[in-house]
């Protein structure tokens, strides 16, 4: 299979991609990293630049088309490939079933919940909008977290509510975004967790920034990094 790290992760959170590879290799899988990969085009598509998005979508098809499976630590980008690429070019529709978000790959495709991870922390989980509403991963991330040794999983109040990021929404509607974020941060803090996890680093960057401005010690950690953790 191939790793689609996404441009956001590659630029700001490369450790998440490393964690995905380490985790999958521990489970006995071989993972390639096509170095010619770039953006999936979601930003362009969502802001009306369909011609640019189409060029990036077709590039994605050329780069990843030969792989049986493509895994990405981002429900947002997987949602773009699976649901929006066919609207740009019907020839790209066949890519969709082969491009999977990490938790749906592990639980849905491989049938694995216990990945051998150890993470002795109190954790709460935010189900991002794309994982919840676009991909429909359901409770797969929670099942994975419950199987992690030493991890105490606490329910996040209002978990299904948006964190307020929404890509360019946070820029175009900054005041509304900040108000939504404030509610999410309060919910995270109310759990007493030391770690807030999610399957999209874009949302975690938003939530993590809000938590940092509150001056607390709660860390934002991607699901892949928790699942890749082992006892020391």
Protein backbone atom coordinates (compact mmCIF):
# COMPACT_ATOMS: atom_id res chain seq x y z
CA UNK A 1 0.00 0.00 0.00
CA UNK A 2 1.00 3.64 -0.26
CA UNK A 3 0.93 6.44 2.28
CA UNK A 4 -0.77 9.66 1.22
CA UNK A 5 0.51 11.91 3.97
CA UNK A 6 -1.43 15.01 2.74
CA UNK A 7 0.24 18.37 2.19
CA UNK A 8 -0.92 19.74 5.56
CA UNK A 9 0.69 16.87 7.46
CA UNK A 10 3.80 16.87 5.31
CA UNK A 11 4.32 20.56 6.05
CA UNK A 12 3.30 20.81 9.70
CA UNK A 13 2.94 17.33 11.20
CA UNK A 14 5.36 14.92 9.47
CA UNK A 15 5.55 12.85 12.67
CA UNK A 16 2.00 11.68 11.99
CA UNK A 17 3.04 10.13 8.68
CA UNK A 18 6.00 8.46 10.39
CA UNK A 19 3.60 7.06 13.00
CA UNK A 20 1.30 5.60 10.32
CA UNK A 21 4.20 3.78 8.67
CA UNK A 22 5.61 2.54 11.98
CA UNK A 23 2.18 1.26 13.02
CA UNK A 24 1.42 -0.54 9.75
CA UNK A 25 4.88 -2.08 9.55
CA UNK A 26 4.45 -3.35 13.12
CA UNK A 27 1.28 -5.07 11.91
CA UNK A 28 3.21 -6.73 9.09
CA UNK A 29 2.39 -4.48 6.14
CA UNK A 30 4.71 -2.86 3.64
CA UNK A 31 4.16 0.84 2.99
CA UNK A 32 5.55 2.92 0.14
CA UNK A 33 5.83 6.70 0.10
CA UNK A 34 5.56 8.14 -3.41
CA UNK A 35 7.70 11.26 -3.22
CA UNK A 36 5.99 12.92 -6.19
CA UNK A 37 2.70 13.28 -4.28
CA UNK A 38 1.33 16.76 -3.62
CA UNK A 39 -1.98 18.30 -2.50
CA UNK A 40 -5.27 16.49 -3.14
CA UNK A 41 -6.82 19.77 -4.32
CA UNK A 42 -9.44 20.12 -1.61
CA UNK A 43 -8.53 23.71 -0.79
CA UNK A 44 -8.79 24.71 -4.43
CA UNK A 45 -12.05 22.82 -4.93
CA UNK A 46 -13.73 24.30 -1.85
CA UNK A 47 -12.81 27.84 -2.83
CA UNK A 48 -14.03 27.57 -6.41
CA UNK A 49 -10.82 26.85 -8.30
CA UNK A 50 -12.15 23.72 -9.99
CA UNK A 51 -9.67 23.79 -12.88
CA UNK A 52 -6.71 23.75 -10.48
CA UNK A 53 -8.42 21.09 -8.36
CA UNK A 54 -8.89 18.91 -11.44
CA UNK A 55 -5.20 19.13 -12.32
CA UNK A 56 -4.26 18.03 -8.79
CA UNK A 57 -6.87 15.27 -8.79
CA UNK A 58 -5.52 13.84 -12.03
CA UNK A 59 -1.99 14.07 -10.66
CA UNK A 60 -3.16 12.12 -7.60
CA UNK A 61 -4.54 9.47 -9.95
CA UNK A 62 -1.21 9.19 -11.78
CA UNK A 63 0.80 8.98 -8.56
CA UNK A 64 -1.38 6.53 -6.63
CA UNK A 65 -3.24 4.69 -9.39
CA UNK A 66 -0.92 1.66 -9.36
CA UNK A 67 -1.39 0.94 -5.65
CA UNK A 68 -3.93 -1.56 -4.33
CA UNK A 69 -4.46 0.48 -1.17
CA UNK A 70 -3.74 4.07 -0.20
CA UNK A 71 -3.92 5.09 3.46
CA UNK A 72 -4.12 8.67 4.71
CA UNK A 73 -4.18 10.10 8.25
CA UNK A 74 -6.91 12.55 7.23
CA UNK A 75 -10.61 11.89 6.77
CA UNK A 76 -10.88 15.31 5.15
CA UNK A 77 -8.54 14.49 2.26
CA UNK A 78 -9.89 10.95 1.86
CA UNK A 79 -13.36 12.45 1.64
CA UNK A 80 -12.15 14.70 -1.16
CA UNK A 81 -10.76 11.79 -3.15
CA UNK A 82 -13.71 9.50 -2.61
CA UNK A 83 -16.63 11.90 -3.00
CA UNK A 84 -15.45 14.92 -4.96
CA UNK A 85 -12.98 13.48 -7.48
CA UNK A 86 -15.78 11.72 -9.43
CA UNK A 87 -17.51 15.09 -9.79
CA UNK A 88 -14.36 16.54 -11.31
CA UNK A 89 -13.58 13.58 -13.58
CA UNK A 90 -15.66 10.39 -13.73
CA UNK A 91 -12.54 8.41 -14.65
CA UNK A 92 -11.23 9.02 -11.12
CA UNK A 93 -14.19 7.29 -9.46
CA UNK A 94 -12.39 3.95 -9.38
CA UNK A 95 -9.80 5.40 -6.98
CA UNK A 96 -12.31 5.89 -4.16
CA UNK A 97 -12.61 2.33 -2.79
CA UNK A 98 -8.82 2.03 -2.60
CA UNK A 99 -8.19 5.24 -0.62
CA UNK A 100 -8.89 4.78 3.09
CA UNK A 101 -8.60 6.77 6.29
CA UNK A 102 -6.44 5.02 8.90
CA UNK A 103 -9.16 3.86 11.31
CA UNK A 104 -11.41 2.50 8.56
CA UNK A 105 -8.42 0.68 7.07
CA UNK A 106 -7.53 -0.96 10.38
CA UNK A 107 -11.01 -1.81 11.65
CA UNK A 108 -13.08 -2.02 8.48
CA UNK A 109 -10.61 -3.53 6.00
CA UNK A 110 -8.14 -5.43 8.22
CA UNK A 111 -10.51 -6.29 11.08
CA UNK A 112 -7.97 -5.16 13.68
CA UNK A 113 -8.76 -3.28 16.89
CA UNK A 114 -5.84 -4.13 19.18
CA UNK A 115 -2.74 -2.83 17.40
CA UNK A 116 -0.40 -3.53 20.30
CA UNK A 117 -0.16 0.08 21.47
CA UNK A 118 0.60 1.32 24.97
CA UNK A 119 -0.28 4.89 25.94
CA UNK A 120 -0.76 5.52 29.68
CA UNK A 121 -2.73 8.76 29.48
CA UNK A 122 -6.27 10.05 29.98
CA UNK A 123 -7.56 10.76 26.47
CA UNK A 124 -10.69 12.27 24.97
CA UNK A 125 -11.55 11.94 21.28
CA UNK A 126 -13.02 14.50 18.87
CA UNK A 127 -14.70 12.87 15.84
CA UNK A 128 -14.00 15.30 13.02
CA UNK A 129 -16.83 16.35 10.71
CA UNK A 130 -15.39 14.59 7.65
CA UNK A 131 -14.78 11.32 9.49
CA UNK A 132 -18.24 11.43 11.04
CA UNK A 133 -20.42 12.83 8.26
CA UNK A 134 -18.54 12.24 5.01
CA UNK A 135 -16.73 8.93 5.51
CA UNK A 136 -18.98 7.52 8.22
CA UNK A 137 -16.16 5.79 10.11
CA UNK A 138 -18.50 5.41 13.10
CA UNK A 139 -16.90 4.16 16.30
CA UNK A 140 -13.80 2.67 14.63
CA UNK A 141 -11.43 5.22 16.23
CA UNK A 142 -12.99 4.64 19.66
CA UNK A 143 -12.67 0.87 19.33
CA UNK A 144 -9.00 1.31 18.52
CA UNK A 145 -8.44 3.61 21.48
CA UNK A 146 -10.26 1.33 23.91
CA UNK A 147 -7.83 -1.46 23.02
CA UNK A 148 -4.73 0.64 23.81
CA UNK A 149 -3.01 -0.53 27.00
CA UNK A 150 -2.93 1.99 29.83
CA UNK A 151 -5.18 4.47 28.02
CA UNK A 152 -8.18 5.88 29.88
CA UNK A 153 -10.75 7.02 27.32
CA UNK A 154 -13.20 9.65 28.53
CA UNK A 155 -16.27 10.76 26.61
CA UNK A 156 -16.18 14.23 25.08
CA UNK A 157 -19.39 16.22 25.72
CA UNK A 158 -20.93 17.41 22.47
CA UNK A 159 -18.42 15.26 20.61
CA UNK A 160 -20.30 15.42 17.31
CA UNK A 161 -20.26 19.22 17.20
CA UNK A 162 -17.80 20.90 14.82
CA UNK A 163 -14.59 22.38 16.22
CA UNK A 164 -15.00 25.46 14.01
CA UNK A 165 -12.04 24.97 11.69
CA UNK A 166 -13.56 23.96 8.35
CA UNK A 167 -10.52 24.91 6.28
CA UNK A 168 -11.00 28.39 4.82
CA UNK A 169 -14.16 28.77 6.94
CA UNK A 170 -11.92 29.68 9.89
CA UNK A 171 -10.43 32.50 7.81
CA UNK A 172 -13.56 33.78 6.11
CA UNK A 173 -15.74 33.52 9.22
CA UNK A 174 -13.19 34.06 11.95
CA UNK A 175 -15.56 35.27 14.66
CA UNK A 176 -18.00 32.40 14.16
CA UNK A 177 -15.12 29.93 14.03
CA UNK A 178 -13.67 31.29 17.26
CA UNK A 179 -17.04 31.00 19.02
CA UNK A 180 -17.45 27.37 17.93
CA UNK A 181 -13.87 26.64 18.99
CA UNK A 182 -14.47 28.15 22.43
CA UNK A 183 -17.31 25.69 23.03
CA UNK A 184 -15.15 22.77 21.89
CA UNK A 185 -12.26 23.81 24.14
CA UNK A 186 -14.59 24.04 27.13
CA UNK A 187 -15.85 20.53 26.37
CA UNK A 188 -12.31 19.16 26.17
CA UNK A 189 -11.29 20.82 29.42
CA UNK A 190 -14.37 19.49 31.21
CA UNK A 191 -13.20 15.90 30.65
CA UNK A 192 -10.04 16.32 32.71
CA UNK A 193 -8.12 14.59 29.92
CA UNK A 194 -4.46 15.33 29.32
CA UNK A 195 -4.73 14.53 25.63
CA UNK A 196 -7.28 15.41 22.96
CA UNK A 197 -7.07 13.15 19.93
CA UNK A 198 -8.66 13.16 16.46
CA UNK A 199 -8.07 11.73 13.00
CA UNK A 200 -7.37 15.07 11.29
CA UNK A 201 -4.44 17.29 12.22
CA UNK A 202 -6.19 20.32 10.71
CA UNK A 203 -8.86 20.11 13.41
CA UNK A 204 -6.28 19.25 16.05
CA UNK A 205 -4.22 22.32 15.12
CA UNK A 206 -7.33 24.45 15.61
CA UNK A 207 -8.28 22.80 18.90
CA UNK A 208 -4.68 22.72 20.09
CA UNK A 209 -4.32 26.44 19.45
CA UNK A 210 -7.45 27.13 21.47
CA UNK A 211 -6.20 24.96 24.32
CA UNK A 212 -2.79 26.62 24.28
CA UNK A 213 -4.34 30.07 24.53
CA UNK A 214 -6.15 28.92 27.63
CA UNK A 215 -2.77 28.13 29.16
CA UNK A 216 -3.58 24.55 30.04
CA UNK A 217 -1.50 21.40 29.70
CA UNK A 218 -3.84 19.47 27.41
CA UNK A 219 -2.04 18.21 24.31
CA UNK A 220 -3.52 17.60 20.87
CA UNK A 221 -2.26 14.27 19.51
CA UNK A 222 -3.25 12.52 16.29
CA UNK A 223 -4.82 9.08 16.57
CA UNK A 224 -1.98 7.53 14.54
CA UNK A 225 0.63 8.70 17.04
CA UNK A 226 -1.26 7.11 19.92
CA UNK A 227 -1.72 3.84 18.05
CA UNK A 228 1.98 3.76 17.10
CA UNK A 229 3.11 4.25 20.72
CA UNK A 230 4.72 1.32 22.51
CA UNK A 231 5.82 0.66 26.08
CA UNK A 232 9.29 2.01 26.84
